[in-house]
Protein backbone atom coordinates (compact mmCIF):
# COMPACT_ATOMS: atom_id res chain seq x y z
CA MET A 1 0.29 -0.37 0.02
CA LEU A 2 2.91 2.28 0.79
CA THR A 3 4.67 1.54 -2.32
CA ASP A 4 1.59 2.86 -4.39
CA PHE A 5 1.04 5.34 -2.32
CA TYR A 6 4.28 6.92 -3.09
CA VAL A 7 4.05 5.97 -6.78
CA ARG A 8 1.21 8.33 -6.86
CA VAL A 9 2.44 10.68 -5.29
CA GLU A 10 5.47 10.68 -7.49
CA ARG A 11 2.78 10.92 -10.39
CA ASP A 12 1.51 14.07 -8.68
CA ALA A 13 3.00 17.64 -9.98
CA LEU A 14 1.97 19.30 -6.84
CA LEU A 15 3.53 17.11 -4.64
CA ALA A 16 6.25 15.40 -6.96
CA PRO A 17 8.95 17.80 -6.74
CA TYR A 18 9.48 17.42 -2.94
CA PHE A 19 10.23 13.54 -3.70
CA ILE A 20 12.59 14.31 -7.00
CA THR A 21 16.10 13.67 -5.02
CA VAL A 22 14.77 10.89 -2.74
CA ASP A 23 15.70 7.52 -2.87
CA MET A 24 12.33 5.67 -2.04
CA PRO A 25 13.96 2.51 -2.39
CA ALA A 26 16.33 2.89 0.41
CA HIS A 27 13.81 5.24 2.60
CA MET A 28 10.46 2.96 2.03
CA PRO A 29 11.41 0.93 5.15
CA ARG A 30 11.98 3.39 7.45
CA ILE A 31 8.32 4.75 5.87
CA VAL A 32 7.02 1.58 6.39
CA ASP A 33 8.49 0.99 10.21
CA PHE A 34 6.56 4.97 10.85
CA TRP A 35 3.22 3.97 9.50
CA SER A 36 3.80 0.23 11.45
CA THR A 37 4.69 2.40 14.70
CA MET A 38 1.81 4.53 13.97
CA VAL A 39 -1.03 2.29 13.94
CA PHE A 40 0.04 -1.04 15.08
CA HIS A 41 2.79 0.83 18.26
CA THR A 42 4.79 -1.89 17.22
CA GLY A 43 7.61 0.48 18.58
CA ARG A 44 9.94 0.06 14.95
CA TYR A 45 10.40 3.57 14.14
CA SER A 46 12.71 5.96 16.12
CA GLY A 47 13.17 9.21 14.85
CA ASN A 48 12.00 12.71 13.72
CA ALA A 49 9.40 12.44 11.41
CA PHE A 50 8.98 16.63 11.46
CA LYS A 51 12.75 17.19 10.72
CA PRO A 52 13.22 16.52 6.84
CA HIS A 53 9.74 18.67 6.32
CA LEU A 54 12.04 21.87 7.48
CA SER A 55 13.85 21.35 4.60
CA MET A 56 11.40 21.38 2.34
CA PRO A 57 10.64 25.52 0.83
CA GLY A 58 7.52 26.60 -0.62
CA LEU A 59 5.19 24.06 1.69
CA THR A 60 1.65 24.90 1.49
CA ALA A 61 -1.75 24.08 3.07
CA ALA A 62 -2.30 22.83 -0.32
CA HIS A 63 0.37 20.71 -0.14
CA PHE A 64 -0.95 19.03 2.49
CA THR A 65 -3.87 18.54 1.50
CA ARG A 66 -3.56 16.90 -1.63
CA TRP A 67 -1.03 14.58 0.36
CA LEU A 68 -4.06 13.90 2.87
CA HIS A 69 -6.85 13.15 -0.43
CA THR A 70 -3.96 10.75 -2.03
CA LEU A 71 -3.04 8.65 1.31
CA GLU A 72 -6.92 8.49 2.08
CA LEU A 73 -7.63 7.24 -1.74
CA THR A 74 -4.47 4.66 -1.49
CA VAL A 75 -5.82 3.54 2.01
CA ASN A 76 -9.18 2.97 0.62
CA ALA A 77 -8.15 1.13 -2.81
CA HIS A 78 -5.68 -1.52 -0.52
CA ALA A 79 -7.98 -1.93 2.85
CA SER A 80 -10.56 -1.12 5.03
CA GLY A 81 -11.89 -1.62 8.61
CA PRO A 82 -10.19 -0.46 12.01
CA ALA A 83 -6.95 0.15 11.24
CA ALA A 84 -7.04 1.98 7.52
CA GLU A 85 -9.41 4.25 8.92
CA HIS A 86 -6.93 4.54 12.16
CA MET A 87 -3.75 4.85 10.01
CA LYS A 88 -6.03 7.64 7.98
CA ALA A 89 -7.42 9.52 10.76
CA LEU A 90 -3.23 8.99 11.84
CA ALA A 91 -2.97 11.07 8.90
CA HIS A 92 -5.08 13.79 9.22
CA ARG A 93 -3.77 14.31 12.58
CA VAL A 94 0.46 14.13 11.40
CA ALA A 95 -0.49 16.78 8.75
CA LEU A 96 -2.40 19.22 10.77
CA ASN A 97 0.89 19.04 13.13
CA MET A 98 3.20 19.54 10.78
CA GLN A 99 1.43 22.22 9.57
CA MET A 100 1.11 23.72 12.94
CA ARG A 101 4.73 23.57 13.31
CA LEU A 102 6.00 25.09 10.26
CA GLY A 103 3.76 27.79 11.01
CA ILE A 104 0.98 27.13 8.37
CA GLU A 105 -2.32 27.65 8.41
CA PRO A 106 -4.52 24.81 7.53
CA ASP A 107 -7.29 24.19 4.77
CA ALA A 108 -10.47 25.03 6.18
CA SER A 109 -12.10 22.22 4.42
C-alpha cells in the first residue's frame, strides 16, 4: 500500500518535486516503520519525522491537502476496516501537526 502511495505521489505534479531527490527504495523501510509504529504500535520507528520537512521550501496547505487526499484514496484502494480508518485519522493528525509546526495555516475544508 505504501509503495503504491508513493508511486501516486511521484506522479502528482504538486507533490512530486519534493520527492525527486529521495531514494525511495532506500527510504521505504523507514516509512513502513513509521506507519507500523503509528498504526500498530510496533515501536519499529525511531527518529524525527518532522525534521526533513523543515528543509522543504514552499510547502503550503494545498500540499498537505493533496497528500491526505492521495493517502486516503490509496488506503481505500487497498484496505478497509478499523486499521485503515485509524491510519487515515492518524494521517490527518500528522498533517495538522506538521502544518502547525511549520507555521502553515491548514485548509478550512
